[in-house]
Amino acid sequence: MDNSANLHTIWHSAKTDDLPSSKEMKQTVSSFRDQKLRKKWLVIICSIMLSCIITAVLIITPFKMFTTYIGGGMMAASGVILAVTNIRSLKRFKQLDNCSNQEFLHFLKQTQRNQLFYYKNTQAAIILLHGIGLAFYFYEPIAGQSKWFLTIYILCIIYMVAMWFIVRPRSYKRESLRLKETINRIESIVTQIQ
């Protein structure tokens, strides 16, 4: 009888003001899922289109040097790799329709691990493949012109340095921070509920 009274007291004294309703939780999960799916579809469509355009240019235009084909192939391959990694990631996000708070938290932590792997390995490989492909691709049109040769390759190096040291870390930091905030918010909700 005493346990029942204690439970009754605890039940009525629990503060749930800062807990979101189930509707708000479902909206948070849905919003997160929809935003990520939209971004992933955009990346997939753009990378496939650009890979197709590069491949079409390589097929239609008669280049004299084999380096142009190697460069174009490397750039197209980097686009395909980007599309494939995002398609694989899409499958995970599609499964995130009806899930519990704990499952969503587990999903977010797995997303965080995947994000780190992508930043360290996949994104680095894609940027290197694309940058080297760009350098090979531009070799034929500027091979005989030393002024343009230096200008184009200096611009390629600046592009690679900017992508590697500025754009890549900033985008990872921004996405990582957003994900960490979402994880912290969901963790606080899960601990308050339990």
N, C-alpha and C. Protein backbone atom coordinates (compact mmCIF):
# COMPACT_ATOMS: atom_id res chain seq x y z
N MET A 1 0.82 -1.18 0.00
CA MET A 1 0.00 0.00 0.00
C MET A 1 0.86 1.25 0.00
N ASP A 2 1.97 1.18 0.76
CA ASP A 2 2.88 2.33 0.86
C ASP A 2 3.54 2.62 -0.49
N ASN A 3 3.91 1.55 -1.22
CA ASN A 3 4.51 1.73 -2.54
C ASN A 3 3.54 2.40 -3.49
N SER A 4 2.29 2.04 -3.38
CA SER A 4 1.27 2.64 -4.23
C SER A 4 1.14 4.14 -3.96
N ALA A 5 1.21 4.52 -2.72
CA ALA A 5 1.13 5.94 -2.36
C ALA A 5 2.36 6.69 -2.85
N ASN A 6 3.54 6.07 -2.71
CA ASN A 6 4.78 6.69 -3.20
C ASN A 6 4.73 6.87 -4.72
N LEU A 7 4.28 5.84 -5.39
CA LEU A 7 4.16 5.90 -6.84
C LEU A 7 3.18 6.99 -7.25
N HIS A 8 2.08 7.08 -6.54
CA HIS A 8 1.07 8.11 -6.81
C HIS A 8 1.66 9.51 -6.60
N THR A 9 2.45 9.69 -5.54
CA THR A 9 3.09 10.99 -5.25
C THR A 9 4.10 11.34 -6.34
N ILE A 10 4.92 10.36 -6.70
CA ILE A 10 5.94 10.59 -7.75
C ILE A 10 5.25 10.93 -9.07
N TRP A 11 4.20 10.20 -9.38
CA TRP A 11 3.48 10.41 -10.64
C TRP A 11 2.94 11.84 -10.74
N HIS A 12 2.37 12.34 -9.67
CA HIS A 12 1.78 13.67 -9.70
C HIS A 12 2.80 14.79 -9.51
N SER A 13 3.97 14.47 -8.98
CA SER A 13 4.97 15.52 -8.77
C SER A 13 5.97 15.62 -9.93
N ALA A 14 5.94 14.69 -10.86
CA ALA A 14 6.87 14.73 -12.00
C ALA A 14 6.55 15.94 -12.87
N LYS A 15 7.61 16.66 -13.21
CA LYS A 15 7.44 17.84 -14.06
C LYS A 15 7.68 17.45 -15.51
N THR A 16 6.70 17.65 -16.31
CA THR A 16 6.79 17.29 -17.72
C THR A 16 6.64 18.50 -18.63
N ASP A 17 6.84 19.67 -18.06
CA ASP A 17 6.66 20.90 -18.86
C ASP A 17 7.63 20.96 -20.03
N ASP A 18 8.89 20.58 -19.77
CA ASP A 18 9.89 20.71 -20.81
C ASP A 18 9.98 19.48 -21.71
N LEU A 19 9.15 18.48 -21.47
CA LEU A 19 9.10 17.32 -22.35
C LEU A 19 8.20 17.62 -23.54
N PRO A 20 8.66 17.27 -24.74
CA PRO A 20 7.79 17.49 -25.90
C PRO A 20 6.70 16.43 -25.93
N SER A 21 5.63 16.77 -26.57
CA SER A 21 4.55 15.79 -26.72
C SER A 21 4.96 14.76 -27.76
N SER A 22 4.21 13.69 -27.84
CA SER A 22 4.53 12.65 -28.82
C SER A 22 4.42 13.21 -30.24
N LYS A 23 3.50 14.14 -30.43
CA LYS A 23 3.34 14.77 -31.74
C LYS A 23 4.59 15.58 -32.11
N GLU A 24 5.13 16.32 -31.13
CA GLU A 24 6.35 17.10 -31.38
C GLU A 24 7.55 16.18 -31.64
N MET A 25 7.63 15.06 -30.92
CA MET A 25 8.71 14.11 -31.14
C MET A 25 8.63 13.53 -32.54
N LYS A 26 7.44 13.13 -32.93
CA LYS A 26 7.25 12.57 -34.27
C LYS A 26 7.59 13.62 -35.33
N GLN A 27 7.25 14.87 -35.06
CA GLN A 27 7.56 15.95 -35.99
C GLN A 27 9.07 16.16 -36.08
N THR A 28 9.79 16.05 -34.97
CA THR A 28 11.25 16.19 -34.97
C THR A 28 11.89 15.10 -35.82
N VAL A 29 11.46 13.87 -35.62
CA VAL A 29 11.99 12.74 -36.39
C VAL A 29 11.66 12.92 -37.86
N SER A 30 10.43 13.28 -38.15
CA SER A 30 9.99 13.46 -39.53
C SER A 30 10.73 14.60 -40.21
N SER A 31 10.92 15.69 -39.51
CA SER A 31 11.63 16.84 -40.06
C SER A 31 13.08 16.48 -40.36
N PHE A 32 13.73 15.80 -39.42
CA PHE A 32 15.12 15.38 -39.61
C PHE A 32 15.23 14.46 -40.82
N ARG A 33 14.33 13.50 -40.90
CA ARG A 33 14.34 12.52 -41.99
C ARG A 33 14.11 13.20 -43.34
N ASP A 34 13.09 14.05 -43.42
CA ASP A 34 12.75 14.71 -44.68
C ASP A 34 13.86 15.63 -45.16
N GLN A 35 14.47 16.36 -44.24
CA GLN A 35 15.57 17.26 -44.61
C GLN A 35 16.75 16.48 -45.17
N LYS A 36 17.12 15.40 -44.51
CA LYS A 36 18.25 14.58 -44.96
C LYS A 36 17.93 13.90 -46.30
N LEU A 37 16.71 13.41 -46.45
CA LEU A 37 16.33 12.76 -47.71
C LEU A 37 16.37 13.74 -48.87
N ARG A 38 15.89 14.95 -48.64
CA ARG A 38 15.90 15.98 -49.69
C ARG A 38 17.34 16.27 -50.13
N LYS A 39 18.23 16.45 -49.17
CA LYS A 39 19.63 16.73 -49.49
C LYS A 39 20.27 15.57 -50.25
N LYS A 40 19.99 14.37 -49.79
CA LYS A 40 20.59 13.19 -50.42
C LYS A 40 20.09 13.02 -51.86
N TRP A 41 18.80 13.21 -52.09
CA TRP A 41 18.28 13.12 -53.45
C TRP A 41 18.89 14.18 -54.36
N LEU A 42 19.06 15.38 -53.85
CA LEU A 42 19.67 16.45 -54.64
C LEU A 42 21.11 16.09 -55.01
N VAL A 43 21.87 15.58 -54.06
CA VAL A 43 23.26 15.18 -54.33
C VAL A 43 23.29 14.04 -55.34
N ILE A 44 22.42 13.07 -55.19
CA ILE A 44 22.39 11.92 -56.10
C ILE A 44 22.07 12.38 -57.52
N ILE A 45 21.04 13.19 -57.68
CA ILE A 45 20.64 13.64 -59.01
C ILE A 45 21.73 14.48 -59.66
N CYS A 46 22.29 15.42 -58.91
CA CYS A 46 23.34 16.29 -59.48
C CYS A 46 24.59 15.50 -59.84
N SER A 47 25.02 14.59 -58.98
CA SER A 47 26.25 13.85 -59.27
C SER A 47 26.06 12.90 -60.46
N ILE A 48 24.89 12.30 -60.57
CA ILE A 48 24.64 11.42 -61.73
C ILE A 48 24.57 12.25 -63.01
N MET A 49 23.89 13.40 -62.95
CA MET A 49 23.81 14.26 -64.14
C MET A 49 25.20 14.72 -64.58
N LEU A 50 26.01 15.17 -63.64
CA LEU A 50 27.36 15.64 -63.99
C LEU A 50 28.22 14.50 -64.52
N SER A 51 28.11 13.32 -63.94
CA SER A 51 28.86 12.17 -64.45
C SER A 51 28.42 11.82 -65.87
N CYS A 52 27.13 11.89 -66.14
CA CYS A 52 26.62 11.63 -67.49
C CYS A 52 27.10 12.69 -68.48
N ILE A 53 27.10 13.94 -68.07
CA ILE A 53 27.57 15.02 -68.95
C ILE A 53 29.05 14.83 -69.28
N ILE A 54 29.85 14.53 -68.27
CA ILE A 54 31.29 14.32 -68.49
C ILE A 54 31.50 13.13 -69.42
N THR A 55 30.77 12.06 -69.20
CA THR A 55 30.90 10.87 -70.05
C THR A 55 30.47 11.19 -71.48
N ALA A 56 29.39 11.94 -71.64
CA ALA A 56 28.92 12.32 -72.99
C ALA A 56 29.97 13.17 -73.70
N VAL A 57 30.58 14.10 -72.99
CA VAL A 57 31.63 14.93 -73.59
C VAL A 57 32.80 14.06 -74.03
N LEU A 58 33.17 13.09 -73.22
CA LEU A 58 34.28 12.20 -73.58
C LEU A 58 33.95 11.35 -74.79
N ILE A 59 32.70 10.95 -74.93
CA ILE A 59 32.29 10.12 -76.07
C ILE A 59 32.15 10.95 -77.34
N ILE A 60 31.54 12.13 -77.23
CA ILE A 60 31.25 12.94 -78.41
C ILE A 60 32.48 13.67 -78.94
N THR A 61 33.27 14.25 -78.07
CA THR A 61 34.41 15.06 -78.49
C THR A 61 35.62 14.18 -78.78
N PRO A 62 36.23 14.35 -79.95
CA PRO A 62 37.42 13.55 -80.27
C PRO A 62 38.69 14.18 -79.67
N PHE A 63 39.10 13.71 -78.54
CA PHE A 63 40.32 14.21 -77.91
C PHE A 63 41.52 13.46 -78.48
N LYS A 64 42.67 14.14 -78.51
CA LYS A 64 43.88 13.54 -79.07
C LYS A 64 44.71 12.82 -78.01
N MET A 65 44.69 13.34 -76.81
CA MET A 65 45.52 12.76 -75.75
C MET A 65 44.68 11.85 -74.84
N PHE A 66 45.33 10.78 -74.43
CA PHE A 66 44.65 9.82 -73.56
C PHE A 66 44.44 10.39 -72.15
N THR A 67 45.24 11.39 -71.77
CA THR A 67 45.11 11.98 -70.43
C THR A 67 43.73 12.62 -70.22
N THR A 68 43.18 13.14 -71.30
CA THR A 68 41.85 13.77 -71.21
C THR A 68 40.79 12.73 -70.86
N TYR A 69 40.90 11.56 -71.48
CA TYR A 69 39.95 10.49 -71.18
C TYR A 69 40.14 9.96 -69.75
N ILE A 70 41.39 9.87 -69.32
CA ILE A 70 41.66 9.43 -67.95
C ILE A 70 41.07 10.43 -66.96
N GLY A 71 41.32 11.71 -67.20
CA GLY A 71 40.80 12.76 -66.31
C GLY A 71 39.29 12.79 -66.27
N GLY A 72 38.66 12.72 -67.43
CA GLY A 72 37.20 12.71 -67.49
C GLY A 72 36.63 11.48 -66.81
N GLY A 73 37.28 10.34 -67.02
CA GLY A 73 36.84 9.11 -66.37
C GLY A 73 36.95 9.19 -64.86
N MET A 74 38.03 9.81 -64.38
CA MET A 74 38.20 9.96 -62.93
C MET A 74 37.13 10.89 -62.34
N MET A 75 36.84 11.97 -63.05
CA MET A 75 35.79 12.89 -62.56
C MET A 75 34.42 12.22 -62.58
N ALA A 76 34.13 11.47 -63.65
CA ALA A 76 32.85 10.75 -63.72
C ALA A 76 32.77 9.70 -62.61
N ALA A 77 33.88 9.01 -62.37
CA ALA A 77 33.91 7.99 -61.31
C ALA A 77 33.67 8.62 -59.94
N SER A 78 34.24 9.80 -59.71
CA SER A 78 34.02 10.45 -58.41
C SER A 78 32.54 10.81 -58.23
N GLY A 79 31.88 11.20 -59.31
CA GLY A 79 30.45 11.49 -59.24
C GLY A 79 29.63 10.24 -58.97
N VAL A 80 30.02 9.13 -59.59
CA VAL A 80 29.31 7.86 -59.37
C VAL A 80 29.51 7.39 -57.93
N ILE A 81 30.72 7.49 -57.42
CA ILE A 81 30.99 7.10 -56.02
C ILE A 81 30.14 7.94 -55.07
N LEU A 82 30.06 9.22 -55.33
CA LEU A 82 29.25 10.11 -54.50
C LEU A 82 27.77 9.69 -54.54
N ALA A 83 27.28 9.38 -55.73
CA ALA A 83 25.88 8.95 -55.87
C ALA A 83 25.64 7.63 -55.15
N VAL A 84 26.55 6.68 -55.31
CA VAL A 84 26.38 5.36 -54.69
C VAL A 84 26.39 5.45 -53.17
N THR A 85 27.30 6.23 -52.61
CA THR A 85 27.33 6.36 -51.14
C THR A 85 26.06 7.01 -50.62
N ASN A 86 25.52 7.96 -51.36
CA ASN A 86 24.27 8.59 -50.93
C ASN A 86 23.07 7.68 -51.12
N ILE A 87 23.09 6.84 -52.15
CA ILE A 87 22.00 5.87 -52.34
C ILE A 87 22.00 4.86 -51.20
N ARG A 88 23.19 4.40 -50.81
CA ARG A 88 23.29 3.47 -49.68
C ARG A 88 22.78 4.12 -48.40
N SER A 89 23.08 5.38 -48.24
CA SER A 89 22.63 6.11 -47.06
C SER A 89 21.11 6.33 -47.08
N LEU A 90 20.56 6.46 -48.27
CA LEU A 90 19.10 6.65 -48.42
C LEU A 90 18.33 5.49 -47.81
N LYS A 91 18.86 4.29 -47.98
CA LYS A 91 18.17 3.10 -47.46
C LYS A 91 17.98 3.20 -45.96
N ARG A 92 18.99 3.68 -45.26
CA ARG A 92 18.89 3.84 -43.80
C ARG A 92 17.82 4.86 -43.44
N PHE A 93 17.79 5.97 -44.16
CA PHE A 93 16.82 7.03 -43.84
C PHE A 93 15.39 6.63 -44.19
N LYS A 94 15.22 5.77 -45.20
CA LYS A 94 13.87 5.30 -45.56
C LYS A 94 13.27 4.46 -44.44
N GLN A 95 14.12 3.74 -43.70
CA GLN A 95 13.64 2.88 -42.62
C GLN A 95 13.23 3.67 -41.38
N LEU A 96 13.52 4.95 -41.39
CA LEU A 96 13.29 5.80 -40.22
C LEU A 96 11.88 6.40 -40.24
N ASP A 97 10.89 5.59 -40.47
CA ASP A 97 9.54 6.12 -40.54
C ASP A 97 8.83 6.06 -39.20
N ASN A 98 8.61 4.89 -38.70
CA ASN A 98 7.98 4.73 -37.38
C ASN A 98 8.98 4.06 -36.46
N CYS A 99 9.55 4.84 -35.57
CA CYS A 99 10.54 4.28 -34.65
C CYS A 99 10.37 4.91 -33.27
N SER A 100 10.88 4.21 -32.29
CA SER A 100 10.80 4.72 -30.92
C SER A 100 11.90 5.75 -30.71
N ASN A 101 11.85 6.44 -29.58
CA ASN A 101 12.89 7.42 -29.25
C ASN A 101 14.25 6.75 -29.17
N GLN A 102 14.29 5.56 -28.57
CA GLN A 102 15.54 4.83 -28.41
C GLN A 102 16.10 4.43 -29.77
N GLU A 103 15.25 3.96 -30.66
CA GLU A 103 15.68 3.58 -32.01
C GLU A 103 16.18 4.80 -32.78
N PHE A 104 15.51 5.92 -32.62
CA PHE A 104 15.94 7.15 -33.29
C PHE A 104 17.29 7.60 -32.75
N LEU A 105 17.49 7.50 -31.46
CA LEU A 105 18.77 7.86 -30.85
C LEU A 105 19.88 6.95 -31.37
N HIS A 106 19.61 5.65 -31.45
CA HIS A 106 20.59 4.70 -31.99
C HIS A 106 20.89 5.05 -33.45
N PHE A 107 19.86 5.39 -34.21
CA PHE A 107 20.03 5.78 -35.61
C PHE A 107 20.93 7.01 -35.72
N LEU A 108 20.71 8.01 -34.86
CA LEU A 108 21.51 9.24 -34.89
C LEU A 108 22.97 8.96 -34.55
N LYS A 109 23.20 8.09 -33.58
CA LYS A 109 24.59 7.76 -33.22
C LYS A 109 25.28 7.00 -34.34
N GLN A 110 24.55 6.11 -35.02
CA GLN A 110 25.11 5.41 -36.18
C GLN A 110 25.38 6.41 -37.30
N THR A 111 24.50 7.38 -37.47
CA THR A 111 24.70 8.42 -38.48
C THR A 111 25.95 9.22 -38.17
N GLN A 112 26.19 9.49 -36.90
CA GLN A 112 27.38 10.22 -36.48
C GLN A 112 28.65 9.43 -36.83
N ARG A 113 28.64 8.12 -36.59
CA ARG A 113 29.79 7.27 -36.94
C ARG A 113 29.98 7.23 -38.45
N ASN A 114 28.88 7.10 -39.19
CA ASN A 114 28.96 7.08 -40.65
C ASN A 114 29.48 8.41 -41.19
N GLN A 115 29.07 9.50 -40.57
CA GLN A 115 29.50 10.83 -40.99
C GLN A 115 31.01 10.99 -40.83
N LEU A 116 31.54 10.50 -39.73
CA LEU A 116 32.99 10.57 -39.49
C LEU A 116 33.74 9.71 -40.50
N PHE A 117 33.24 8.50 -40.77
CA PHE A 117 33.87 7.63 -41.76
C PHE A 117 33.84 8.29 -43.14
N TYR A 118 32.71 8.88 -43.50
CA TYR A 118 32.58 9.56 -44.79
C TYR A 118 33.58 10.71 -44.90
N TYR A 119 33.71 11.50 -43.84
CA TYR A 119 34.63 12.63 -43.84
C TYR A 119 36.07 12.17 -43.98
N LYS A 120 36.45 11.15 -43.23
CA LYS A 120 37.85 10.71 -43.23
C LYS A 120 38.23 9.90 -44.47
N ASN A 121 37.31 9.11 -45.00
CA ASN A 121 37.67 8.19 -46.07
C ASN A 121 37.00 8.51 -47.40
N THR A 122 35.69 8.41 -47.45
CA THR A 122 34.97 8.52 -48.71
C THR A 122 35.10 9.90 -49.33
N GLN A 123 34.84 10.94 -48.55
CA GLN A 123 34.91 12.30 -49.08
C GLN A 123 36.33 12.63 -49.52
N ALA A 124 37.32 12.19 -48.76
CA ALA A 124 38.71 12.43 -49.13
C ALA A 124 39.03 11.76 -50.46
N ALA A 125 38.59 10.51 -50.64
CA ALA A 125 38.84 9.80 -51.89
C ALA A 125 38.13 10.48 -53.06
N ILE A 126 36.91 10.93 -52.85
CA ILE A 126 36.15 11.59 -53.92
C ILE A 126 36.83 12.89 -54.33
N ILE A 127 37.26 13.69 -53.36
CA ILE A 127 37.91 14.97 -53.68
C ILE A 127 39.23 14.74 -54.39
N LEU A 128 40.02 13.77 -53.93
CA LEU A 128 41.29 13.48 -54.59
C LEU A 128 41.07 12.97 -56.01
N LEU A 129 40.15 12.05 -56.17
CA LEU A 129 39.86 11.50 -57.49
C LEU A 129 39.39 12.61 -58.44
N HIS A 130 38.51 13.46 -57.96
CA HIS A 130 38.01 14.56 -58.79
C HIS A 130 39.12 15.56 -59.12
N GLY A 131 39.93 15.91 -58.13
CA GLY A 131 41.01 16.89 -58.36
C GLY A 131 42.06 16.39 -59.33
N ILE A 132 42.48 15.14 -59.16
CA ILE A 132 43.47 14.57 -60.08
C ILE A 132 42.86 14.44 -61.47
N GLY A 133 41.59 14.05 -61.54
CA GLY A 133 40.90 13.96 -62.82
C GLY A 133 40.82 15.31 -63.51
N LEU A 134 40.57 16.35 -62.74
CA LEU A 134 40.51 17.71 -63.29
C LEU A 134 41.86 18.11 -63.88
N ALA A 135 42.93 17.78 -63.17
CA ALA A 135 44.28 18.11 -63.65
C ALA A 135 44.59 17.37 -64.96
N PHE A 136 44.24 16.09 -65.03
CA PHE A 136 44.45 15.32 -66.27
C PHE A 136 43.58 15.85 -67.40
N TYR A 137 42.34 16.17 -67.09
CA TYR A 137 41.40 16.62 -68.11
C TYR A 137 41.85 17.93 -68.77
N PHE A 138 42.40 18.84 -67.99
CA PHE A 138 42.82 20.13 -68.54
C PHE A 138 44.19 20.08 -69.23
N TYR A 139 44.88 18.96 -69.17
CA TYR A 139 46.23 18.90 -69.73
C TYR A 139 46.24 19.11 -71.24
N GLU A 140 45.36 18.46 -71.97
CA GLU A 140 45.36 18.55 -73.44
C GLU A 140 45.11 19.97 -73.97
N PRO A 141 44.08 20.67 -73.51
CA PRO A 141 43.82 21.99 -74.09
C PRO A 141 44.91 23.02 -73.80
N ILE A 142 45.69 22.83 -72.76
CA ILE A 142 46.67 23.86 -72.39
C ILE A 142 48.12 23.38 -72.48
N ALA A 143 48.35 22.21 -73.05
CA ALA A 143 49.69 21.62 -73.07
C ALA A 143 50.72 22.49 -73.80
N GLY A 144 50.36 23.13 -74.87
CA GLY A 144 51.31 23.91 -75.65
C GLY A 144 51.44 25.37 -75.22
N GLN A 145 50.63 25.82 -74.30
CA GLN A 145 50.61 27.23 -73.91
C GLN A 145 51.06 27.36 -72.46
N SER A 146 52.30 27.78 -72.28
CA SER A 146 52.87 27.81 -70.93
C SER A 146 52.15 28.80 -70.00
N LYS A 147 51.70 29.93 -70.55
CA LYS A 147 51.00 30.92 -69.72
C LYS A 147 49.68 30.34 -69.18
N TRP A 148 48.89 29.76 -70.07
CA TRP A 148 47.63 29.15 -69.66
C TRP A 148 47.87 27.92 -68.79
N PHE A 149 48.93 27.18 -69.12
CA PHE A 149 49.27 25.98 -68.36
C PHE A 149 49.45 26.31 -66.88
N LEU A 150 50.28 27.32 -66.62
CA LEU A 150 50.52 27.74 -65.23
C LEU A 150 49.24 28.28 -64.58
N THR A 151 48.52 29.10 -65.31
CA THR A 151 47.29 29.69 -64.75
C THR A 151 46.27 28.62 -64.38
N ILE A 152 46.01 27.71 -65.30
CA ILE A 152 45.01 26.66 -65.05
C ILE A 152 45.44 25.75 -63.90
N TYR A 153 46.70 25.35 -63.89
CA TYR A 153 47.14 24.45 -62.82
C TYR A 153 47.24 25.14 -61.47
N ILE A 154 47.56 26.41 -61.46
CA ILE A 154 47.54 27.16 -60.19
C ILE A 154 46.10 27.25 -59.69
N LEU A 155 45.15 27.50 -60.59
CA LEU A 155 43.73 27.52 -60.21
C LEU A 155 43.26 26.15 -59.71
N CYS A 156 43.73 25.08 -60.36
CA CYS A 156 43.38 23.72 -59.90
C CYS A 156 43.93 23.46 -58.50
N ILE A 157 45.15 23.90 -58.25
CA ILE A 157 45.75 23.71 -56.93
C ILE A 157 45.00 24.53 -55.88
N ILE A 158 44.66 25.77 -56.22
CA ILE A 158 43.89 26.61 -55.29
C ILE A 158 42.54 25.96 -55.00
N TYR A 159 41.89 25.42 -56.04
CA TYR A 159 40.61 24.73 -55.87
C TYR A 159 40.76 23.54 -54.92
N MET A 160 41.79 22.73 -55.15
CA MET A 160 42.01 21.55 -54.30
C MET A 160 42.29 21.95 -52.85
N VAL A 161 43.14 22.95 -52.67
CA VAL A 161 43.47 23.41 -51.31
C VAL A 161 42.22 23.96 -50.62
N ALA A 162 41.44 24.74 -51.34
CA ALA A 162 40.21 25.30 -50.75
C ALA A 162 39.23 24.20 -50.38
N MET A 163 39.06 23.22 -51.26
CA MET A 163 38.14 22.12 -50.97
C MET A 163 38.63 21.30 -49.77
N TRP A 164 39.94 21.02 -49.73
CA TRP A 164 40.49 20.15 -48.70
C TRP A 164 40.57 20.82 -47.33
N PHE A 165 41.02 22.08 -47.31
CA PHE A 165 41.31 22.72 -46.03
C PHE A 165 40.24 23.71 -45.56
N ILE A 166 39.33 24.12 -46.44
CA ILE A 166 38.32 25.10 -46.04
C ILE A 166 36.91 24.51 -46.12
N VAL A 167 36.49 24.13 -47.30
CA VAL A 167 35.11 23.67 -47.51
C VAL A 167 34.84 22.36 -46.77
N ARG A 168 35.72 21.40 -46.94
CA ARG A 168 35.52 20.07 -46.34
C ARG A 168 35.43 20.13 -44.82
N PRO A 169 36.40 20.76 -44.11
CA PRO A 169 36.29 20.81 -42.64
C PRO A 169 35.09 21.62 -42.15
N ARG A 170 34.79 22.72 -42.83
CA ARG A 170 33.65 23.55 -42.41
C ARG A 170 32.34 22.80 -42.55
N SER A 171 32.16 22.12 -43.68
CA SER A 171 30.90 21.40 -43.87
C SER A 171 30.78 20.25 -42.87
N TYR A 172 31.90 19.57 -42.60
CA TYR A 172 31.85 18.49 -41.60
C TYR A 172 31.52 19.05 -40.22
N LYS A 173 32.18 20.14 -39.87
CA LYS A 173 31.97 20.73 -38.55
C LYS A 173 30.51 21.18 -38.39
N ARG A 174 29.96 21.81 -39.42
CA ARG A 174 28.58 22.30 -39.37
C ARG A 174 27.60 21.13 -39.23
N GLU A 175 27.77 20.11 -40.08
CA GLU A 175 26.86 18.96 -40.03
C GLU A 175 27.02 18.19 -38.72
N SER A 176 28.26 18.06 -38.27
CA SER A 176 28.52 17.35 -37.02
C SER A 176 27.89 18.07 -35.83
N LEU A 177 27.97 19.39 -35.83
CA LEU A 177 27.38 20.18 -34.75
C LEU A 177 25.86 20.04 -34.73
N ARG A 178 25.24 20.10 -35.90
CA ARG A 178 23.79 19.93 -35.98
C ARG A 178 23.36 18.55 -35.47
N LEU A 179 24.11 17.55 -35.89
CA LEU A 179 23.79 16.19 -35.47
C LEU A 179 23.98 16.02 -33.97
N LYS A 180 25.05 16.60 -33.45
CA LYS A 180 25.32 16.50 -32.01
C LYS A 180 24.22 17.19 -31.20
N GLU A 181 23.75 18.34 -31.67
CA GLU A 181 22.65 19.04 -30.99
C GLU A 181 21.38 18.20 -30.98
N THR A 182 21.09 17.57 -32.11
CA THR A 182 19.91 16.71 -32.19
C THR A 182 20.05 15.52 -31.26
N ILE A 183 21.24 14.91 -31.23
CA ILE A 183 21.48 13.77 -30.34
C ILE A 183 21.31 14.19 -28.88
N ASN A 184 21.88 15.32 -28.51
CA ASN A 184 21.76 15.80 -27.12
C ASN A 184 20.30 16.06 -26.74
N ARG A 185 19.55 16.64 -27.67
CA ARG A 185 18.14 16.92 -27.40
C ARG A 185 17.35 15.62 -27.21
N ILE A 186 17.60 14.65 -28.08
CA ILE A 186 16.89 13.37 -27.99
C ILE A 186 17.33 12.61 -26.74
N GLU A 187 18.64 12.65 -26.41
CA GLU A 187 19.12 11.97 -25.20
C GLU A 187 18.47 12.55 -23.95
N SER A 188 18.34 13.88 -23.91
CA SER A 188 17.71 14.49 -22.73
C SER A 188 16.24 14.08 -22.63
N ILE A 189 15.58 13.96 -23.75
CA ILE A 189 14.18 13.52 -23.74
C ILE A 189 14.09 12.07 -23.28
N VAL A 190 14.97 11.21 -23.80
CA VAL A 190 14.93 9.79 -23.44
C VAL A 190 15.23 9.60 -21.96
N THR A 191 16.22 10.34 -21.43
CA THR A 191 16.55 10.20 -20.00
C THR A 191 15.43 10.74 -19.12
N GLN A 192 14.74 11.77 -19.56
CA GLN A 192 13.63 12.31 -18.76
C GLN A 192 12.44 11.37 -18.75
N ILE A 193 12.25 10.67 -19.85
CA ILE A 193 11.12 9.75 -19.94
C ILE A 193 11.37 8.50 -19.09
N GLN A 194 12.62 8.03 -19.07
CA GLN A 194 12.92 6.78 -18.35
C GLN A 194 12.98 6.95 -16.87
